[in-house]
PDB file of N, CA and C in Angstrom:
ATOM      1  N   MET A   1      69.039  92.005 102.043  1.00  0.00           N
ATOM      2  CA  MET A   1      70.415  92.382 101.081  1.00  0.00           C
ATOM      3  C   MET A   1      71.180  93.999 101.977  1.00  0.00           C
ATOM      4  N   SER A   2      72.457  93.939 102.189  1.00  0.00           N
ATOM      5  CA  SER A   2      73.013  94.772 102.251  1.00  0.00           C
ATOM      6  C   SER A   2      73.547  95.436 100.986  1.00  0.00           C
ATOM      7  N   SER A   3      73.380  96.989 100.932  1.00  0.00           N
ATOM      8  CA  SER A   3      73.919  97.746 100.334  1.00  0.00           C
ATOM      9  C   SER A   3      75.103  98.172 100.181  1.00  0.00           C
ATOM     10  N   LYS A   4      75.473  97.948 101.436  1.00  0.00           N
ATOM     11  CA  LYS A   4      77.299  97.945 101.306  1.00  0.00           C
ATOM     12  C   LYS A   4      78.148  97.210 100.433  1.00  0.00           C
ATOM     13  N   ILE A   5      79.164  97.583 100.350  1.00  0.00           N
ATOM     14  CA  ILE A   5      80.417  96.916  99.702  1.00  0.00           C
ATOM     15  C   ILE A   5      81.167  96.203 100.405  1.00  0.00           C
ATOM     16  N   GLU A   6      81.220  94.476 100.228  1.00  0.00           N
ATOM     17  CA  GLU A   6      81.420  93.601 101.211  1.00  0.00           C
ATOM     18  C   GLU A   6      83.504  93.549 100.863  1.00  0.00           C
ATOM     19  N   LEU A   7      83.964  93.682 101.808  1.00  0.00           N
ATOM     20  CA  LEU A   7      85.635  93.512 102.025  1.00  0.00           C
ATOM     21  C   LEU A   7      86.086  92.657 102.529  1.00  0.00           C
ATOM     22  N   LEU A   8      87.029  92.022 102.439  1.00  0.00           N
ATOM     23  CA  LEU A   8      87.473  90.541 103.254  1.00  0.00           C
ATOM     24  C   LEU A   8      89.090  91.389 104.208  1.00  0.00           C
ATOM     25  N   ALA A   9      88.881  91.500 105.073  1.00  0.00           N
ATOM     26  CA  ALA A   9      90.241  91.865 105.976  1.00  0.00           C
ATOM     27  C   ALA A   9      91.335  90.844 105.990  1.00  0.00           C
ATOM     28  N   SER A  10      92.601  91.033 105.703  1.00  0.00           N
ATOM     29  CA  SER A  10      93.162  89.821 105.583  1.00  0.00           C
ATOM     30  C   SER A  10      94.263  89.782 106.843  1.00  0.00           C
ATOM     31  N   ALA A  11      94.139  90.655 107.988  1.00  0.00           N
ATOM     32  CA  ALA A  11      94.531  90.808 108.789  1.00  0.00           C
ATOM     33  C   ALA A  11      93.698  91.301 109.895  1.00  0.00           C
ATOM     34  N   PRO A  12      94.669  90.972 110.835  1.00  0.00           N
ATOM     35  CA  PRO A  12      94.141  91.014 112.336  1.00  0.00           C
ATOM     36  C   PRO A  12      93.497  92.934 112.175  1.00  0.00           C
ATOM     37  N   LEU A  13      92.228  93.215 112.921  1.00  0.00           N
ATOM     38  CA  LEU A  13      91.536  94.748 112.740  1.00  0.00           C
ATOM     39  C   LEU A  13      92.068  95.080 114.447  1.00  0.00           C
ATOM     40  N   SER A  14      92.278  96.042 114.621  1.00  0.00           N
ATOM     41  CA  SER A  14      91.894  96.954 115.643  1.00  0.00           C
ATOM     42  C   SER A  14      91.052  96.930 116.056  1.00  0.00           C
ATOM     43  N   PRO A  15      90.395  97.579 117.170  1.00  0.00           N
ATOM     44  CA  PRO A  15      88.836  97.536 117.725  1.00  0.00           C
ATOM     45  C   PRO A  15      88.407  98.753 116.420  1.00  0.00           C
ATOM     46  N   TYR A  16      89.237  99.910 116.594  1.00  0.00           N
ATOM     47  CA  TYR A  16      89.103 100.884 116.335  1.00  0.00           C
ATOM     48  C   TYR A  16      88.408 101.274 114.804  1.00  0.00           C
ATOM     49  N   MET A  17      89.641 100.302 113.846  1.00  0.00           N
ATOM     50  CA  MET A  17      89.569 100.020 112.435  1.00  0.00           C
ATOM     51  C   MET A  17      88.316  99.321 112.391  1.00  0.00           C
ATOM     52  N   ALA A  18      88.188  98.371 113.044  1.00  0.00           N
ATOM     53  CA  ALA A  18      87.011  97.401 112.693  1.00  0.00           C
ATOM     54  C   ALA A  18      85.587  98.119 112.676  1.00  0.00           C
ATOM     55  N   ALA A  19      85.695  98.853 113.975  1.00  0.00           N
ATOM     56  CA  ALA A  19      84.055  99.927 114.070  1.00  0.00           C
ATOM     57  C   ALA A  19      84.173 100.661 112.942  1.00  0.00           C
ATOM     58  N   LYS A  20      84.820 101.299 112.747  1.00  0.00           N
ATOM     59  CA  LYS A  20      85.144 102.407 111.214  1.00  0.00           C
ATOM     60  C   LYS A  20      84.732 101.496 109.896  1.00  0.00           C
ATOM     61  N   LEU A  21      85.740 100.483 109.912  1.00  0.00           N
ATOM     62  CA  LEU A  21      85.281 100.305 108.359  1.00  0.00           C
ATOM     63  C   LEU A  21      83.578  99.265 108.360  1.00  0.00           C
ATOM     64  N   GLU A  22      83.192  98.869 109.642  1.00  0.00           N
ATOM     65  CA  GLU A  22      81.621  98.432 109.734  1.00  0.00           C
ATOM     66  C   GLU A  22      80.889  99.155 109.295  1.00  0.00           C
ATOM     67  N   GLU A  23      81.348 100.588 109.718  1.00  0.00           N
ATOM     68  CA  GLU A  23      80.124 101.481 109.530  1.00  0.00           C
ATOM     69  C   GLU A  23      79.824 101.931 108.109  1.00  0.00           C
ATOM     70  N   HIS A  24      80.691 101.371 106.900  1.00  0.00           N
ATOM     71  CA  HIS A  24      80.543 101.678 105.694  1.00  0.00           C
ATOM     72  C   HIS A  24      80.511 100.328 105.026  1.00  0.00           C
ATOM     73  N   PHE A  25      81.380  99.251 105.629  1.00  0.00           N
ATOM     74  CA  PHE A  25      81.371  98.076 104.597  1.00  0.00           C
ATOM     75  C   PHE A  25      81.059  96.815 105.434  1.00  0.00           C
ATOM     76  N   VAL A  26      80.809  95.846 104.572  1.00  0.00           N
ATOM     77  CA  VAL A  26      80.663  94.522 105.447  1.00  0.00           C
ATOM     78  C   VAL A  26      81.282  93.784 105.428  1.00  0.00           C
ATOM     79  N   VAL A  27      82.194  93.186 106.568  1.00  0.00           N
ATOM     80  CA  VAL A  27      83.756  93.375 107.058  1.00  0.00           C
ATOM     81  C   VAL A  27      83.566  91.478 107.186  1.00  0.00           C
ATOM     82  N   HIS A  28      84.023  90.942 105.902  1.00  0.00           N
ATOM     83  CA  HIS A  28      84.333  89.592 106.561  1.00  0.00           C
ATOM     84  C   HIS A  28      85.858  89.280 107.254  1.00  0.00           C
ATOM     85  N   ASP A  29      85.510  88.613 108.042  1.00  0.00           N
ATOM     86  CA  ASP A  29      87.122  88.421 108.929  1.00  0.00           C
ATOM     87  C   ASP A  29      87.856  87.358 108.353  1.00  0.00           C
ATOM     88  N   ARG A  30      89.169  87.635 108.480  1.00  0.00           N
ATOM     89  CA  ARG A  30      90.333  87.117 108.050  1.00  0.00           C
ATOM     90  C   ARG A  30      90.229  85.291 108.074  1.00  0.00           C
ATOM     91  N   SER A  31      89.237  84.919 109.107  1.00  0.00           N
ATOM     92  CA  SER A  31      89.159  83.421 109.304  1.00  0.00           C
ATOM     93  C   SER A  31      88.851  82.764 107.875  1.00  0.00           C
ATOM     94  N   LEU A  32      88.270  83.472 107.163  1.00  0.00           N
ATOM     95  CA  LEU A  32      87.937  82.965 105.936  1.00  0.00           C
ATOM     96  C   LEU A  32      89.002  82.309 105.413  1.00  0.00           C
ATOM     97  N   LEU A  33      89.747  82.703 105.621  1.00  0.00           N
ATOM     98  CA  LEU A  33      91.179  82.331 104.287  1.00  0.00           C
ATOM     99  C   LEU A  33      91.370  80.851 104.697  1.00  0.00           C
ATOM    100  N   ALA A  34      91.252  80.402 106.529  1.00  0.00           N
ATOM    101  CA  ALA A  34      91.548  78.852 106.541  1.00  0.00           C
ATOM    102  C   ALA A  34      90.248  77.866 106.450  1.00  0.00           C
ATOM    103  N   ASP A  35      89.312  78.540 105.840  1.00  0.00           N
ATOM    104  CA  ASP A  35      87.922  77.710 105.307  1.00  0.00           C
ATOM    105  C   ASP A  35      87.715  78.083 104.172  1.00  0.00           C
ATOM    106  N   ASP A  36      88.076  77.092 103.195  1.00  0.00           N
ATOM    107  CA  ASP A  36      87.599  77.526 101.654  1.00  0.00           C
ATOM    108  C   ASP A  36      86.259  77.424 101.319  1.00  0.00           C
ATOM    109  N   THR A  37      85.638  76.421 102.382  1.00  0.00           N
ATOM    110  CA  THR A  37      83.877  76.202 101.804  1.00  0.00           C
ATOM    111  C   THR A  37      83.266  77.573 102.236  1.00  0.00           C
ATOM    112  N   ALA A  38      83.548  78.467 103.545  1.00  0.00           N
ATOM    113  CA  ALA A  38      83.089  79.590 103.962  1.00  0.00           C
ATOM    114  C   ALA A  38      83.369  80.711 102.949  1.00  0.00           C
ATOM    115  N   LEU A  39      84.456  80.677 102.588  1.00  0.00           N
ATOM    116  CA  LEU A  39      85.025  81.534 101.398  1.00  0.00           C
ATOM    117  C   LEU A  39      84.443  81.398 100.549  1.00  0.00           C
ATOM    118  N   SER A  40      84.347  80.365 100.005  1.00  0.00           N
ATOM    119  CA  SER A  40      83.270  79.799  98.387  1.00  0.00           C
ATOM    120  C   SER A  40      82.388  80.532  98.414  1.00  0.00           C
ATOM    121  N   ARG A  41      81.571  80.894  99.670  1.00  0.00           N
ATOM    122  CA  ARG A  41      80.045  81.219  99.844  1.00  0.00           C
ATOM    123  C   ARG A  41      79.914  82.901  99.737  1.00  0.00           C
ATOM    124  N   VAL A  42      81.083  83.230 100.155  1.00  0.00           N
ATOM    125  CA  VAL A  42      80.819  84.874  99.539  1.00  0.00           C
ATOM    126  C   VAL A  42      81.817  85.741  98.809  1.00  0.00           C
ATOM    127  N   ALA A  43      82.983  84.660  98.122  1.00  0.00           N
ATOM    128  CA  ALA A  43      84.105  85.379  97.469  1.00  0.00           C
ATOM    129  C   ALA A  43      83.347  86.100  96.151  1.00  0.00           C
ATOM    130  N   SER A  44      82.002  85.700  95.690  1.00  0.00           N
ATOM    131  CA  SER A  44      81.501  86.124  94.775  1.00  0.00           C
ATOM    132  C   SER A  44      81.317  88.193  94.856  1.00  0.00           C
ATOM    133  N   ARG A  45      80.694  88.285  96.414  1.00  0.00           N
ATOM    134  CA  ARG A  45      80.566  89.617  96.630  1.00  0.00           C
ATOM    135  C   ARG A  45      81.630  90.430  97.464  1.00  0.00           C
ATOM    136  N   ILE A  46      82.872  89.795  97.712  1.00  0.00           N
ATOM    137  CA  ILE A  46      84.043  90.930  98.284  1.00  0.00           C
ATOM    138  C   ILE A  46      84.570  91.203  97.307  1.00  0.00           C
ATOM    139  N   ARG A  47      84.664  92.841  97.025  1.00  0.00           N
ATOM    140  CA  ARG A  47      85.138  93.438  96.145  1.00  0.00           C
ATOM    141  C   ARG A  47      86.532  94.437  96.636  1.00  0.00           C
ATOM    142  N   ALA A  48      86.491  94.566  98.176  1.00  0.00           N
ATOM    143  CA  ALA A  48      88.042  94.855  98.209  1.00  0.00           C
ATOM    144  C   ALA A  48      88.341  94.007  99.526  1.00  0.00           C
ATOM    145  N   VAL A  49      89.867  94.170  99.417  1.00  0.00           N
ATOM    146  CA  VAL A  49      90.491  93.386 100.532  1.00  0.00           C
ATOM    147  C   VAL A  49      91.135  94.297 101.359  1.00  0.00           C
ATOM    148  N   THR A  50      91.628  94.345 102.805  1.00  0.00           N
ATOM    149  CA  THR A  50      92.304  95.354 103.570  1.00  0.00           C
ATOM    150  C   THR A  50      93.081  94.599 104.202  1.00  0.00           C
ATOM    151  N   GLY A  51      94.167  95.135 104.319  1.00  0.00           N
ATOM    152  CA  GLY A  51      95.913  94.736 105.245  1.00  0.00           C
ATOM    153  C   GLY A  51      96.224  95.151 106.199  1.00  0.00           C
ATOM    154  N   ALA A  52      97.193  94.611 106.587  1.00  0.00           N
ATOM    155  CA  ALA A  52      98.128  95.288 107.342  1.00  0.00           C
ATOM    156  C   ALA A  52      99.578  95.273 106.786  1.00  0.00           C
ATOM    157  N   GLY A  53     100.706  96.018 107.337  1.00  0.00           N
ATOM    158  CA  GLY A  53     102.329  95.918 107.078  1.00  0.00           C
ATOM    159  C   GLY A  53     102.395  94.320 106.927  1.00  0.00           C
ATOM    160  N   ASP A  54     102.081  93.378 107.822  1.00  0.00           N
ATOM    161  CA  ASP A  54     102.339  92.040 107.768  1.00  0.00           C
ATOM    162  C   ASP A  54     101.848  91.049 106.841  1.00  0.00           C
ATOM    163  N   SER A  55     100.516  91.822 106.268  1.00  0.00           N
ATOM    164  CA  SER A  55      99.575  91.152 105.507  1.00  0.00           C
ATOM    165  C   SER A  55     100.296  90.576 104.174  1.00  0.00           C
ATOM    166  N   ARG A  56      99.924  89.360 103.457  1.00  0.00           N
ATOM    167  CA  ARG A  56     100.198  88.759 102.287  1.00  0.00           C
ATOM    168  C   ARG A  56      98.835  88.630 101.621  1.00  0.00           C
ATOM    169  N   VAL A  57      98.599  89.110 100.348  1.00  0.00           N
ATOM    170  CA  VAL A  57      97.569  88.829  99.794  1.00  0.00           C
ATOM    171  C   VAL A  57      98.406  88.555  98.408  1.00  0.00           C
ATOM    172  N   THR A  58      98.089  87.078  98.125  1.00  0.00           N
ATOM    173  CA  THR A  58      98.599  86.676  97.177  1.00  0.00           C
ATOM    174  C   THR A  58      97.474  86.820  95.827  1.00  0.00           C
ATOM    175  N   GLY A  59      98.556  86.217  94.619  1.00  0.00           N
ATOM    176  CA  GLY A  59      97.296  86.538  93.568  1.00  0.00           C
ATOM    177  C   GLY A  59      96.235  85.450  93.618  1.00  0.00           C
ATOM    178  N   GLU A  60      96.783  84.424  94.064  1.00  0.00           N
ATOM    179  CA  GLU A  60      96.078  82.911  94.069  1.00  0.00           C
ATOM    180  C   GLU A  60      94.584  83.532  95.060  1.00  0.00           C
ATOM    181  N   LEU A  61      94.706  84.237  95.875  1.00  0.00           N
ATOM    182  CA  LEU A  61      93.608  85.008  96.968  1.00  0.00           C
ATOM    183  C   LEU A  61      92.773  85.962  95.795  1.00  0.00           C
ATOM    184  N   ILE A  62      93.304  86.803  94.904  1.00  0.00           N
ATOM    185  CA  ILE A  62      92.683  87.589  94.081  1.00  0.00           C
ATOM    186  C   ILE A  62      91.929  86.766  93.209  1.00  0.00           C
ATOM    187  N   GLY A  63      92.905  86.025  92.837  1.00  0.00           N
ATOM    188  CA  GLY A  63      92.177  85.059  91.701  1.00  0.00           C
ATOM    189  C   GLY A  63      90.810  84.214  92.342  1.00  0.00           C
ATOM    190  N   ARG A  64      90.485  83.539  93.350  1.00  0.00           N
ATOM    191  CA  ARG A  64      89.406  83.640  94.113  1.00  0.00           C
ATOM    192  C   ARG A  64      88.214  84.693  93.999  1.00  0.00           C
ATOM    193  N   LEU A  65      88.526  85.864  94.432  1.00  0.00           N
ATOM    194  CA  LEU A  65      87.796  86.803  94.367  1.00  0.00           C
ATOM    195  C   LEU A  65      87.518  87.819  93.110  1.00  0.00           C
ATOM    196  N   PRO A  66      86.319  87.377  92.414  1.00  0.00           N
ATOM    197  CA  PRO A  66      86.330  87.850  91.082  1.00  0.00           C
ATOM    198  C   PRO A  66      85.782  88.923  91.039  1.00  0.00           C
ATOM    199  N   ALA A  67      85.096  90.042  92.120  1.00  0.00           N
ATOM    200  CA  ALA A  67      84.288  91.038  92.072  1.00  0.00           C
ATOM    201  C   ALA A  67      85.594  92.105  92.649  1.00  0.00           C
ATOM    202  N   VAL A  68      86.814  91.840  92.940  1.00  0.00           N
ATOM    203  CA  VAL A  68      88.060  93.008  93.079  1.00  0.00           C
ATOM    204  C   VAL A  68      88.447  93.643  92.429  1.00  0.00           C
ATOM    205  N   GLU A  69      87.464  94.503  92.987  1.00  0.00           N
ATOM    206  CA  GLU A  69      87.938  96.054  92.110  1.00  0.00           C
ATOM    207  C   GLU A  69      89.738  96.457  92.781  1.00  0.00           C
TER     208      GLU A  69
END
């Protein structure tokens, strides 16, 4: 098990940003947003969400991520 904080990337990440985040975090790709089963498997471990200017992080999504700080 990793000691890194797990986060959900809610928008596409540039290769540079993805590499930097992956140095410090376990990054879950935004493709999880389209797969309820996959998101449910990791939702309780996701503690942060990252996005971009065009991202929408809804209250519904935050509600599905009980460990988000």
